[in-house]
Protein backbone atom coordinates (compact mmCIF):
# COMPACT_ATOMS: atom_id res chain seq x y z
CA UNK A 1 104.55 91.55 99.35
CA UNK A 2 100.95 92.22 100.14
CA UNK A 3 98.73 89.34 101.30
CA UNK A 4 96.42 90.16 98.45
CA UNK A 5 99.12 90.21 95.77
CA UNK A 6 98.36 87.34 93.35
CA UNK A 7 95.40 86.20 95.33
CA UNK A 8 92.74 88.38 93.72
CA UNK A 9 91.92 89.45 90.25
CA UNK A 10 91.44 93.11 91.04
CA UNK A 11 91.39 95.68 88.28
CA UNK A 12 93.04 96.15 84.98
CA UNK A 13 96.07 98.39 84.65
CA UNK A 14 94.39 99.95 81.63
CA UNK A 15 91.47 101.23 83.69
CA UNK A 16 93.69 102.24 86.60
CA UNK A 17 95.75 104.37 84.18
CA UNK A 18 92.59 105.89 82.63
CA UNK A 19 91.34 106.70 86.15
CA UNK A 20 94.53 108.54 87.12
CA UNK A 21 94.64 110.34 83.80
CA UNK A 22 90.98 111.42 84.28
CA UNK A 23 92.09 113.23 87.47
CA UNK A 24 95.09 114.98 85.87
CA UNK A 25 97.20 114.62 82.70
CA UNK A 26 100.86 113.70 83.10
CA UNK A 27 103.91 111.96 81.80
CA UNK A 28 104.51 108.24 82.24
CA UNK A 29 106.94 109.09 85.00
CA UNK A 30 104.38 111.26 86.77
CA UNK A 31 101.72 108.59 86.38
CA UNK A 32 104.08 105.96 87.88
CA UNK A 33 104.70 108.20 90.89
CA UNK A 34 100.96 108.73 91.29
CA UNK A 35 100.44 104.97 91.18
CA UNK A 36 102.95 104.48 93.98
CA UNK A 37 101.19 107.09 96.12
CA UNK A 38 97.62 106.02 95.47
CA UNK A 39 96.95 102.69 93.78
CA UNK A 40 99.99 100.64 94.63
CA UNK A 41 98.11 98.78 97.39
CA UNK A 42 95.32 97.92 94.96
CA UNK A 43 97.19 97.44 91.72
CA UNK A 44 100.98 97.64 91.75
CA UNK A 45 102.53 98.48 88.36
CA UNK A 46 106.09 98.38 87.06
CA UNK A 47 107.44 101.07 84.76
CA UNK A 48 107.53 98.66 81.79
CA UNK A 49 103.94 97.56 82.38
CA UNK A 50 102.69 101.12 82.65
CA UNK A 51 104.50 102.35 79.54
CA UNK A 52 103.31 99.39 77.59
CA UNK A 53 99.75 100.13 78.64
CA UNK A 54 100.07 103.82 77.79
CA UNK A 55 101.14 102.87 74.29
CA UNK A 56 98.11 100.57 73.94
CA UNK A 57 95.73 103.23 75.30
CA UNK A 58 97.15 105.83 72.84
CA UNK A 59 96.83 103.40 69.90
CA UNK A 60 93.20 102.71 70.91
CA UNK A 61 92.47 106.49 71.01
CA UNK A 62 91.63 106.40 74.71
CA UNK A 63 94.44 108.78 75.61
CA UNK A 64 96.51 111.28 73.55
CA UNK A 65 100.19 111.96 73.87
CA UNK A 66 101.61 115.39 73.38
CA UNK A 67 104.91 115.86 71.61
CA UNK A 68 106.88 116.67 74.78
CA UNK A 69 106.19 118.25 78.10
CA UNK A 70 108.40 119.65 80.82
CA UNK A 71 111.77 117.86 80.96
CA UNK A 72 111.25 116.45 77.46
CA UNK A 73 108.74 113.87 78.58
CA UNK A 74 105.67 112.88 76.61
CA UNK A 75 102.51 114.17 78.41
CA UNK A 76 99.38 112.00 78.34
CA UNK A 77 95.78 113.14 78.63
CA UNK A 78 92.56 111.13 78.57
CA UNK A 79 90.27 111.60 75.51
CA UNK A 80 86.49 111.67 75.44
CA UNK A 81 86.59 108.05 74.28
CA UNK A 82 88.84 107.22 77.26
CA UNK A 83 86.36 108.91 79.64
CA UNK A 84 83.48 106.94 78.08
CA UNK A 85 85.44 103.65 78.46
CA UNK A 86 86.35 104.46 82.03
CA UNK A 87 82.71 105.23 82.90
CA UNK A 88 81.55 102.08 81.07
CA UNK A 89 84.03 99.92 83.06
CA UNK A 90 83.31 101.55 86.45
CA UNK A 91 79.57 100.89 86.08
CA UNK A 92 79.97 97.29 84.80
CA UNK A 93 80.95 95.20 87.87
CA UNK A 94 79.37 92.12 86.30
CA UNK A 95 82.54 91.94 84.17
CA UNK A 96 84.76 91.36 87.19
CA UNK A 97 86.47 87.95 87.05
CA UNK A 98 85.69 85.44 89.79
CA UNK A 99 87.68 85.97 92.98
CA UNK A 100 90.30 83.26 93.61
CA UNK A 101 92.14 83.09 96.89
CA UNK A 102 95.30 80.97 96.79
CA UNK A 103 95.81 81.36 100.57
CA UNK A 104 92.44 79.79 101.29
CA UNK A 105 93.09 77.04 98.88
CA UNK A 106 96.31 76.28 100.72
CA UNK A 107 94.53 76.37 104.07
CA UNK A 108 91.97 73.98 102.67
CA UNK A 109 94.78 71.57 101.85
CA UNK A 110 96.76 71.99 105.06
CA UNK A 111 95.56 68.59 106.27
CA UNK A 112 98.10 67.07 103.89
CA UNK A 113 100.98 68.57 105.94
CA UNK A 114 102.29 67.59 109.40
CA UNK A 115 100.46 69.73 111.94
CA UNK A 116 103.58 71.74 112.89
CA UNK A 117 104.05 72.75 109.27
CA UNK A 118 100.42 73.67 108.98
CA UNK A 119 100.71 75.87 112.05
CA UNK A 120 103.85 77.61 110.63
CA UNK A 121 101.94 78.41 107.43
CA UNK A 122 99.03 79.86 109.47
CA UNK A 123 101.46 81.90 111.56
CA UNK A 124 103.00 83.27 108.34
CA UNK A 125 99.52 84.33 107.17
CA UNK A 126 98.90 86.01 110.51
CA UNK A 127 102.19 87.84 110.41
CA UNK A 128 101.62 88.98 106.84
CA UNK A 129 98.13 90.27 107.72
CA UNK A 130 99.52 92.16 110.74
CA UNK A 131 102.25 93.77 108.62
CA UNK A 132 99.80 94.76 105.96
CA UNK A 133 97.39 96.16 108.53
CA UNK A 134 100.18 98.29 110.05
CA UNK A 135 101.10 99.50 106.55
CA UNK A 136 97.50 100.63 105.90
CA UNK A 137 97.43 102.39 109.26
CA UNK A 138 100.63 104.26 108.38
CA UNK A 139 99.04 105.35 105.10
CA UNK A 140 95.87 106.47 106.84
CA UNK A 141 97.87 108.44 109.41
CA UNK A 142 100.31 110.00 106.97
CA UNK A 143 97.72 111.91 104.83
CA UNK A 144 95.71 114.96 105.54
CA UNK A 145 92.56 113.67 103.88
CA UNK A 146 90.58 116.38 102.03
CA UNK A 147 86.82 116.46 101.51
CA UNK A 148 86.85 116.10 97.68
CA UNK A 149 85.41 113.09 95.95
CA UNK A 150 88.75 111.55 94.93
CA UNK A 151 90.01 111.71 98.47
CA UNK A 152 86.72 110.32 99.85
CA UNK A 153 86.80 107.28 97.60
CA UNK A 154 90.59 106.75 98.10
CA UNK A 155 89.88 106.75 101.89
CA UNK A 156 87.04 104.27 101.29
CA UNK A 157 89.40 101.87 99.56
CA UNK A 158 91.94 102.26 102.36
CA UNK A 159 89.23 101.57 104.91
CA UNK A 160 88.34 98.38 103.08
CA UNK A 161 92.00 97.33 103.26
CA UNK A 162 92.07 98.11 107.02
CA UNK A 163 88.88 96.14 107.62
CA UNK A 164 89.94 93.18 105.38
CA UNK A 165 93.38 92.88 107.12
CA UNK A 166 91.66 93.12 110.55
CA UNK A 167 89.41 90.25 109.45
CA UNK A 168 92.41 88.25 108.21
CA UNK A 169 94.14 88.77 111.56
CA UNK A 170 91.06 87.63 113.51
CA UNK A 171 90.48 84.66 111.20
CA UNK A 172 94.09 83.46 111.25
CA UNK A 173 94.13 83.73 115.03
CA UNK A 174 90.93 81.74 115.20
CA UNK A 175 92.33 78.96 112.99
CA UNK A 176 95.59 78.76 114.93
CA UNK A 177 93.70 78.58 118.25
CA UNK A 178 91.44 75.86 116.88
CA UNK A 179 94.47 73.90 115.73
CA UNK A 180 95.98 74.29 119.19
CA UNK A 181 92.79 73.21 120.92
CA UNK A 182 92.85 70.12 118.86
CA UNK A 183 96.32 69.42 120.21
CA UNK A 184 97.42 69.06 116.66
CA UNK A 185 100.59 71.07 116.48
CA UNK A 186 103.71 69.16 117.10
CA UNK A 187 107.39 69.81 116.51
CA UNK A 188 107.21 69.26 112.71
């Protein structure tokens, strides 16, 4: 589980699917594989979520489905209306929902716990951030990044994840050290 899962309102699955289909048409199965390789750290999707969204996109005329493609699968392609919607959404950041961070809300309320429990929670945040940072480093090191636009922007998103998790590690360490300096952690 990513430290950001459930903490942030990120992007809609609808627009993520349109974005992938704007790069290359494919079946629902192909699209799910591409999600796992590219967007899973930003917006994880299950098979049922993705197929449900593909049906909604097709009904709205934003994508079209062919009869069948290779292996008897329906092939999806973005329509002109889908491209227009994707472009509208990308250039409309004012529509983003407010950011809510459940982890910070919990930290804000840690004074209600015995100090030892508060420290354990902070240590779990630190551990999670370290695991996520290592995961992003593995992704960075596993790819031979090309110089095309899609690769550049994918790498930019990955870099944001690396910087964010580095910040989370530094911050959690700072809070734990502050708690220790206060002599507040006990055996709770």
